[in-house]
Amino acid sequence: MSAADDVLDMRVLCAEIAAREARGGSAKEQITAVSKALGVGWNRALEFLKGKARRVDAWEKDNARRRLAALRERERIERENEHLAWLECEIARHRASGEEFRGPHVDGLEHLLRLARGADGAVEIPGEAKD
């Protein structure tokens, strides 16, 4: 991969990190977020975001990839927790609304909710192998 390709890749990675770390923030906040996320100086983060870096070291690109993967995973878990919280509210609403909503369907939903609330993140697939 050429230096120009590395710079372009780093620009894309850093733009996504900035968008996730400094949601709707100013350019200064985005640069600061990238700087902290990658462990580089403020000027180096600015070079990455603008695509003006002359070169990209392998450790910088590795840090960017790791940080972005961690951010994506955190957002996935947050989304799953929101969905599960919604399901809990719906089950409680059905339970509280009367006898006609009680029965095997709501019991089944509660059982699935207990399965989904695993120790590894928000959702655990039944029968999934653990490391």
Protein backbone atom coordinates (compact mmCIF):
# COMPACT_ATOMS: atom_id res chain seq x y z
CA MET A 1 0.00 0.00 0.00
CA SER A 2 1.38 3.40 -0.92
CA ALA A 3 1.82 6.31 1.46
CA ALA A 4 -1.04 8.14 -0.26
CA ASP A 5 -3.35 5.16 0.33
CA ASP A 6 -2.31 5.03 3.99
CA VAL A 7 -3.04 8.73 4.40
CA LEU A 8 -6.45 8.34 2.77
CA ASP A 9 -7.29 5.33 4.96
CA MET A 10 -6.21 7.22 8.05
CA ARG A 11 -8.32 10.21 7.06
CA VAL A 12 -11.40 7.99 6.78
CA LEU A 13 -10.67 6.21 10.08
CA CYS A 14 -10.07 9.48 11.92
CA ALA A 15 -13.17 11.12 10.46
CA GLU A 16 -15.30 8.25 11.78
CA ILE A 17 -13.59 8.35 15.17
CA ALA A 18 -14.17 12.11 15.37
CA ALA A 19 -17.82 11.71 14.40
CA ARG A 20 -18.37 9.11 17.13
CA GLU A 21 -16.24 10.70 19.87
CA ALA A 22 -17.26 14.35 19.38
CA ARG A 23 -20.81 14.06 18.11
CA GLY A 24 -21.73 17.33 16.51
CA GLY A 25 -18.77 19.03 18.12
CA SER A 26 -16.68 21.78 16.67
CA ALA A 27 -13.58 21.10 14.59
CA LYS A 28 -11.43 21.77 17.65
CA GLU A 29 -13.35 19.19 19.69
CA GLN A 30 -13.03 16.64 16.89
CA ILE A 31 -9.27 17.15 16.63
CA THR A 32 -8.93 16.83 20.39
CA ALA A 33 -11.02 13.64 20.36
CA VAL A 34 -8.84 12.07 17.65
CA SER A 35 -5.68 13.16 19.45
CA LYS A 36 -6.79 11.48 22.68
CA ALA A 37 -8.17 8.38 20.95
CA LEU A 38 -4.95 7.70 19.05
CA GLY A 39 -2.42 8.96 21.55
CA VAL A 40 -0.91 11.47 19.14
CA GLY A 41 -0.37 15.20 19.32
CA TRP A 42 -2.98 17.76 18.35
CA ASN A 43 -1.18 18.78 15.15
CA ARG A 44 -0.75 15.16 14.10
CA ALA A 45 -4.48 14.54 14.62
CA LEU A 46 -5.22 17.62 12.51
CA GLU A 47 -2.97 16.28 9.72
CA PHE A 48 -4.85 12.99 9.77
CA LEU A 49 -8.28 14.62 9.68
CA LYS A 50 -7.34 16.89 6.80
CA GLY A 51 -5.49 14.16 4.91
CA LYS A 52 -2.29 16.23 4.92
CA ALA A 53 0.01 13.77 6.68
CA ARG A 54 3.11 12.87 4.67
CA ARG A 55 3.22 9.39 6.11
CA VAL A 56 1.30 7.15 8.51
CA ASP A 57 3.12 4.89 10.92
CA ALA A 58 1.78 1.37 11.34
CA TRP A 59 1.16 1.83 15.08
CA GLU A 60 -0.95 4.93 14.38
CA LYS A 61 -3.14 3.06 11.92
CA ASP A 62 -3.39 0.09 14.29
CA ASN A 63 -4.46 2.40 17.14
CA ALA A 64 -7.10 3.98 14.91
CA ARG A 65 -8.50 0.62 13.85
CA ARG A 66 -8.60 -0.68 17.43
CA ARG A 67 -10.26 2.47 18.75
CA LEU A 68 -12.86 2.47 15.99
CA ALA A 69 -13.64 -1.21 16.59
CA ALA A 70 -14.08 -0.51 20.31
CA LEU A 71 -16.40 2.43 19.58
CA ARG A 72 -18.50 0.36 17.18
CA GLU A 73 -18.77 -2.45 19.73
CA ARG A 74 -19.80 -0.03 22.48
CA GLU A 75 -22.50 1.45 20.23
CA ARG A 76 -23.75 -2.03 19.31
CA ILE A 77 -24.11 -2.95 22.98
CA GLU A 78 -25.88 0.33 23.73
CA ARG A 79 -28.37 -0.29 20.91
CA GLU A 80 -29.03 -3.81 22.13
CA ASN A 81 -29.56 -2.58 25.69
CA GLU A 82 -32.06 0.01 24.42
CA HIS A 83 -33.97 -2.71 22.55
CA LEU A 84 -34.01 -4.97 25.59
CA ALA A 85 -35.18 -2.12 27.84
CA TRP A 86 -38.01 -1.44 25.39
CA LEU A 87 -38.97 -5.13 25.47
CA GLU A 88 -38.98 -5.09 29.29
CA CYS A 89 -41.31 -2.09 29.28
CA GLU A 90 -43.64 -3.74 26.78
CA ILE A 91 -43.79 -6.95 28.82
CA ALA A 92 -44.54 -4.97 31.99
CA ARG A 93 -47.23 -2.99 30.18
CA HIS A 94 -48.90 -6.17 28.96
CA ARG A 95 -48.71 -7.77 32.40
CA ALA A 96 -50.26 -4.70 34.02
CA SER A 97 -53.05 -4.28 31.46
CA GLY A 98 -55.09 -7.29 32.43
CA GLU A 99 -55.70 -11.00 32.37
CA GLU A 100 -56.26 -11.24 28.60
CA PHE A 101 -52.60 -10.43 27.95
CA ARG A 102 -51.26 -12.96 30.43
CA GLY A 103 -50.35 -16.33 29.14
CA PRO A 104 -47.73 -18.35 27.34
CA HIS A 105 -46.80 -15.61 24.86
CA VAL A 106 -45.76 -13.09 27.49
CA ASP A 107 -44.12 -15.88 29.49
CA GLY A 108 -42.15 -16.81 26.37
CA LEU A 109 -41.06 -13.21 25.86
CA GLU A 110 -39.89 -13.01 29.47
CA HIS A 111 -37.92 -16.22 29.01
CA LEU A 112 -36.27 -14.85 25.84
CA LEU A 113 -35.47 -11.62 27.64
CA ARG A 114 -33.73 -13.56 30.43
CA LEU A 115 -31.70 -15.43 27.80
CA ALA A 116 -30.79 -12.19 26.06
CA ARG A 117 -29.57 -10.57 29.28
CA GLY A 118 -26.31 -12.54 29.33
CA ALA A 119 -23.10 -11.60 31.09
CA ASP A 120 -21.21 -10.97 27.82
CA GLY A 121 -22.54 -7.69 26.50
CA ALA A 122 -26.22 -7.05 26.05
CA VAL A 123 -27.21 -10.08 24.04
CA GLU A 124 -26.10 -13.67 24.39
CA ILE A 125 -27.19 -16.20 21.81
CA PRO A 126 -28.34 -19.45 23.45
CA GLY A 127 -25.93 -22.28 22.67
CA GLU A 128 -23.19 -19.92 21.49
CA ALA A 129 -19.69 -21.12 22.37
CA LYS A 130 -17.78 -18.97 24.85
CA ASP A 131 -14.05 -18.38 24.78
